[in-house]
């Protein structure tokens, strides 16, 4: 199931350096992006998600664990939902594609980690579709 959310990229290296690429990623839906640089490896950003908004996560440097959960009811979600744990590492180019209807919990697992996030929603639309839950609402492996 984890692979259902991952877009695998590739690398090319020669005397000029290294290039990472995602030739199968269709970016036509993307309207904005931002970068997350956690203050430390103890901080967990979560749980946050959207009913409609779709996001793509790409690790620029370091590594992250991202847990995702499909929400059954955004107004009163079940306490028995099970996270899917996904690891992103800058040395292994993958993009995590998270559709609407999910929440994410994000934790850096290395120092100087940077995560680029792409969205298909304008900022105001995203704010109107923003749902947050306590980090301890669902057990996850970080």
C-alpha atoms as a PDB file:
ATOM      1  CA  UNK A   1       0.000   0.000   0.000  1.00  0.00           C
ATOM      2  CA  UNK A   2       2.902   2.344   0.736  1.00  0.00           C
ATOM      3  CA  UNK A   3       3.933   2.245  -2.935  1.00  0.00           C
ATOM      4  CA  UNK A   4       0.495   3.526  -3.960  1.00  0.00           C
ATOM      5  CA  UNK A   5       1.575   6.946  -2.696  1.00  0.00           C
ATOM      6  CA  UNK A   6       5.158   7.054  -3.999  1.00  0.00           C
ATOM      7  CA  UNK A   7       6.473   8.413  -7.278  1.00  0.00           C
ATOM      8  CA  UNK A   8       9.963   7.098  -7.897  1.00  0.00           C
ATOM      9  CA  UNK A   9      12.539   9.349  -9.494  1.00  0.00           C
ATOM     10  CA  UNK A  10      16.000   8.649 -10.761  1.00  0.00           C
ATOM     11  CA  UNK A  11      19.467  10.152 -10.811  1.00  0.00           C
ATOM     12  CA  UNK A  12      22.094  10.788 -13.444  1.00  0.00           C
ATOM     13  CA  UNK A  13      25.706  11.515 -12.663  1.00  0.00           C
ATOM     14  CA  UNK A  14      28.693  12.496 -14.770  1.00  0.00           C
ATOM     15  CA  UNK A  15      31.745  14.740 -14.470  1.00  0.00           C
ATOM     16  CA  UNK A  16      29.464  17.813 -14.198  1.00  0.00           C
ATOM     17  CA  UNK A  17      27.699  16.528 -11.086  1.00  0.00           C
ATOM     18  CA  UNK A  18      24.443  14.817 -10.223  1.00  0.00           C
ATOM     19  CA  UNK A  19      20.902  15.389 -11.461  1.00  0.00           C
ATOM     20  CA  UNK A  20      17.732  14.043  -9.845  1.00  0.00           C
ATOM     21  CA  UNK A  21      14.594  13.858 -11.955  1.00  0.00           C
ATOM     22  CA  UNK A  22      10.944  12.745 -11.975  1.00  0.00           C
ATOM     23  CA  UNK A  23       9.945  12.315 -15.598  1.00  0.00           C
ATOM     24  CA  UNK A  24       6.620  10.686 -14.646  1.00  0.00           C
ATOM     25  CA  UNK A  25       5.458  13.498 -12.322  1.00  0.00           C
ATOM     26  CA  UNK A  26       2.635  15.512 -13.862  1.00  0.00           C
ATOM     27  CA  UNK A  27       2.908  18.997 -12.344  1.00  0.00           C
ATOM     28  CA  UNK A  28      -0.155  20.457 -14.111  1.00  0.00           C
ATOM     29  CA  UNK A  29      -2.215  20.486 -10.864  1.00  0.00           C
ATOM     30  CA  UNK A  30       0.419  22.288  -8.774  1.00  0.00           C
ATOM     31  CA  UNK A  31      -0.282  25.951  -7.998  1.00  0.00           C
ATOM     32  CA  UNK A  32       2.188  26.662  -5.158  1.00  0.00           C
ATOM     33  CA  UNK A  33       5.005  25.199  -3.109  1.00  0.00           C
ATOM     34  CA  UNK A  34       6.836  25.791   0.148  1.00  0.00           C
ATOM     35  CA  UNK A  35       9.696  24.320   2.126  1.00  0.00           C
ATOM     36  CA  UNK A  36       9.789  22.886   5.652  1.00  0.00           C
ATOM     37  CA  UNK A  37      13.059  22.966   7.632  1.00  0.00           C
ATOM     38  CA  UNK A  38      12.369  21.536  11.102  1.00  0.00           C
ATOM     39  CA  UNK A  39      14.077  23.159  14.075  1.00  0.00           C
ATOM     40  CA  UNK A  40      15.206  19.727  15.310  1.00  0.00           C
ATOM     41  CA  UNK A  41      14.653  15.983  15.020  1.00  0.00           C
ATOM     42  CA  UNK A  42      12.339  15.828  18.038  1.00  0.00           C
ATOM     43  CA  UNK A  43       9.567  17.990  16.541  1.00  0.00           C
ATOM     44  CA  UNK A  44       6.547  16.227  15.012  1.00  0.00           C
ATOM     45  CA  UNK A  45       4.381  18.323  12.702  1.00  0.00           C
ATOM     46  CA  UNK A  46       1.002  16.673  12.770  1.00  0.00           C
ATOM     47  CA  UNK A  47      -1.651  15.732  12.418  1.00  0.00           C
ATOM     48  CA  UNK A  48      -2.727  18.108   9.654  1.00  0.00           C
ATOM     49  CA  UNK A  49      -4.669  17.491   6.475  1.00  0.00           C
ATOM     50  CA  UNK A  50      -7.298  18.477   3.982  1.00  0.00           C
ATOM     51  CA  UNK A  51     -10.523  17.053   2.606  1.00  0.00           C
ATOM     52  CA  UNK A  52      -9.874  18.399  -0.910  1.00  0.00           C
ATOM     53  CA  UNK A  53      -6.294  19.627  -1.160  1.00  0.00           C
ATOM     54  CA  UNK A  54      -3.681  17.312  -2.628  1.00  0.00           C
ATOM     55  CA  UNK A  55       0.003  17.560  -1.647  1.00  0.00           C
ATOM     56  CA  UNK A  56       3.300  16.174  -2.887  1.00  0.00           C
ATOM     57  CA  UNK A  57       6.326  15.881  -0.548  1.00  0.00           C
ATOM     58  CA  UNK A  58       9.933  15.782  -1.764  1.00  0.00           C
ATOM     59  CA  UNK A  59      12.964  15.488   0.512  1.00  0.00           C
ATOM     60  CA  UNK A  60      15.595  18.008  -0.611  1.00  0.00           C
ATOM     61  CA  UNK A  61      18.159  17.111   2.051  1.00  0.00           C
ATOM     62  CA  UNK A  62      18.433  14.764   5.000  1.00  0.00           C
ATOM     63  CA  UNK A  63      15.579  12.382   5.734  1.00  0.00           C
ATOM     64  CA  UNK A  64      12.013  12.320   7.049  1.00  0.00           C
ATOM     65  CA  UNK A  65       9.362   9.962   8.312  1.00  0.00           C
ATOM     66  CA  UNK A  66       5.900  10.919   7.134  1.00  0.00           C
ATOM     67  CA  UNK A  67       2.905   9.069   8.498  1.00  0.00           C
ATOM     68  CA  UNK A  68      -0.343   9.420   6.584  1.00  0.00           C
ATOM     69  CA  UNK A  69      -3.857   8.499   7.663  1.00  0.00           C
ATOM     70  CA  UNK A  70      -7.036   8.379   5.618  1.00  0.00           C
ATOM     71  CA  UNK A  71      -9.687  10.175   7.669  1.00  0.00           C
ATOM     72  CA  UNK A  72     -13.127   8.578   7.874  1.00  0.00           C
ATOM     73  CA  UNK A  73     -14.869  11.707   9.242  1.00  0.00           C
ATOM     74  CA  UNK A  74     -13.099  15.063   9.470  1.00  0.00           C
ATOM     75  CA  UNK A  75     -15.541  16.341  12.111  1.00  0.00           C
ATOM     76  CA  UNK A  76     -15.225  13.290  14.364  1.00  0.00           C
ATOM     77  CA  UNK A  77     -12.563  10.862  13.148  1.00  0.00           C
ATOM     78  CA  UNK A  78     -12.251   7.412  14.618  1.00  0.00           C
ATOM     79  CA  UNK A  79      -9.536   6.877  17.222  1.00  0.00           C
ATOM     80  CA  UNK A  80      -8.772   3.504  15.592  1.00  0.00           C
ATOM     81  CA  UNK A  81      -7.290   4.758  12.317  1.00  0.00           C
ATOM     82  CA  UNK A  82      -3.957   3.249  11.306  1.00  0.00           C
ATOM     83  CA  UNK A  83      -1.094   5.355   9.928  1.00  0.00           C
ATOM     84  CA  UNK A  84       0.953   4.341   6.913  1.00  0.00           C
ATOM     85  CA  UNK A  85       4.647   5.059   7.622  1.00  0.00           C
ATOM     86  CA  UNK A  86       6.744   6.336   4.733  1.00  0.00           C
ATOM     87  CA  UNK A  87      10.421   7.254   4.767  1.00  0.00           C
ATOM     88  CA  UNK A  88      11.829   9.884   2.437  1.00  0.00           C
ATOM     89  CA  UNK A  89      15.570  10.321   2.049  1.00  0.00           C
ATOM     90  CA  UNK A  90      17.354  12.825  -0.179  1.00  0.00           C
ATOM     91  CA  UNK A  91      19.732  10.126  -1.412  1.00  0.00           C
ATOM     92  CA  UNK A  92      16.809   8.092  -2.832  1.00  0.00           C
ATOM     93  CA  UNK A  93      14.595  10.357  -4.981  1.00  0.00           C
ATOM     94  CA  UNK A  94      10.924   9.711  -4.281  1.00  0.00           C
ATOM     95  CA  UNK A  95       7.890  11.956  -4.064  1.00  0.00           C
ATOM     96  CA  UNK A  96       5.067  11.171  -1.668  1.00  0.00           C
ATOM     97  CA  UNK A  97       1.713  12.055  -3.275  1.00  0.00           C
ATOM     98  CA  UNK A  98      -1.042  12.512  -0.677  1.00  0.00           C
ATOM     99  CA  UNK A  99      -4.592  12.971  -1.995  1.00  0.00           C
ATOM    100  CA  UNK A 100      -7.336  14.912  -0.274  1.00  0.00           C
ATOM    101  CA  UNK A 101      -8.984  13.049   2.584  1.00  0.00           C
ATOM    102  CA  UNK A 102      -5.735  12.364   4.445  1.00  0.00           C
ATOM    103  CA  UNK A 103      -3.745  13.887   7.304  1.00  0.00           C
ATOM    104  CA  UNK A 104       0.023  13.799   7.670  1.00  0.00           C
ATOM    105  CA  UNK A 105       2.475  13.713  10.530  1.00  0.00           C
ATOM    106  CA  UNK A 106       6.029  14.760   9.633  1.00  0.00           C
ATOM    107  CA  UNK A 107       9.277  14.218  11.539  1.00  0.00           C
ATOM    108  CA  UNK A 108      12.852  14.840  10.430  1.00  0.00           C
ATOM    109  CA  UNK A 109      15.130  11.871  11.065  1.00  0.00           C
ATOM    110  CA  UNK A 110      18.400  13.651  10.317  1.00  0.00           C
ATOM    111  CA  UNK A 111      19.918  17.045  10.938  1.00  0.00           C
ATOM    112  CA  UNK A 112      19.579  19.833   8.368  1.00  0.00           C
ATOM    113  CA  UNK A 113      16.600  18.095   6.758  1.00  0.00           C
ATOM    114  CA  UNK A 114      14.558  20.043   4.211  1.00  0.00           C
ATOM    115  CA  UNK A 115      11.201  19.022   2.763  1.00  0.00           C
ATOM    116  CA  UNK A 116       9.629  20.653  -0.285  1.00  0.00           C
ATOM    117  CA  UNK A 117       5.826  20.552  -0.389  1.00  0.00           C
ATOM    118  CA  UNK A 118       3.750  21.140  -3.522  1.00  0.00           C
ATOM    119  CA  UNK A 119       0.010  21.858  -3.394  1.00  0.00           C
ATOM    120  CA  UNK A 120      -2.885  21.971  -5.823  1.00  0.00           C
ATOM    121  CA  UNK A 121      -4.705  24.633  -3.732  1.00  0.00           C
ATOM    122  CA  UNK A 122      -4.178  28.372  -3.446  1.00  0.00           C
ATOM    123  CA  UNK A 123      -3.310  29.525   0.077  1.00  0.00           C
ATOM    124  CA  UNK A 124      -6.795  30.851   0.954  1.00  0.00           C
ATOM    125  CA  UNK A 125      -8.452  27.677  -0.340  1.00  0.00           C
ATOM    126  CA  UNK A 126      -6.003  25.625   1.708  1.00  0.00           C
ATOM    127  CA  UNK A 127      -6.772  27.600   4.877  1.00  0.00           C
ATOM    128  CA  UNK A 128     -10.500  26.935   4.397  1.00  0.00           C
ATOM    129  CA  UNK A 129      -9.820  23.206   4.041  1.00  0.00           C
ATOM    130  CA  UNK A 130      -7.374  22.855   6.948  1.00  0.00           C
ATOM    131  CA  UNK A 131      -7.939  20.248   9.658  1.00  0.00           C
ATOM    132  CA  UNK A 132      -5.612  19.655  12.610  1.00  0.00           C
ATOM    133  CA  UNK A 133      -5.646  16.974  15.261  1.00  0.00           C
ATOM    134  CA  UNK A 134      -3.481  16.380  18.356  1.00  0.00           C
ATOM    135  CA  UNK A 135      -0.202  14.613  17.621  1.00  0.00           C
ATOM    136  CA  UNK A 136      -1.084  11.894  20.141  1.00  0.00           C
ATOM    137  CA  UNK A 137      -4.532  11.172  18.637  1.00  0.00           C
ATOM    138  CA  UNK A 138      -3.194   8.176  16.679  1.00  0.00           C
ATOM    139  CA  UNK A 139      -0.185   6.046  17.530  1.00  0.00           C
ATOM    140  CA  UNK A 140       2.549   6.191  14.899  1.00  0.00           C
ATOM    141  CA  UNK A 141       6.068   4.896  14.520  1.00  0.00           C
ATOM    142  CA  UNK A 142       8.404   7.859  14.224  1.00  0.00           C
END
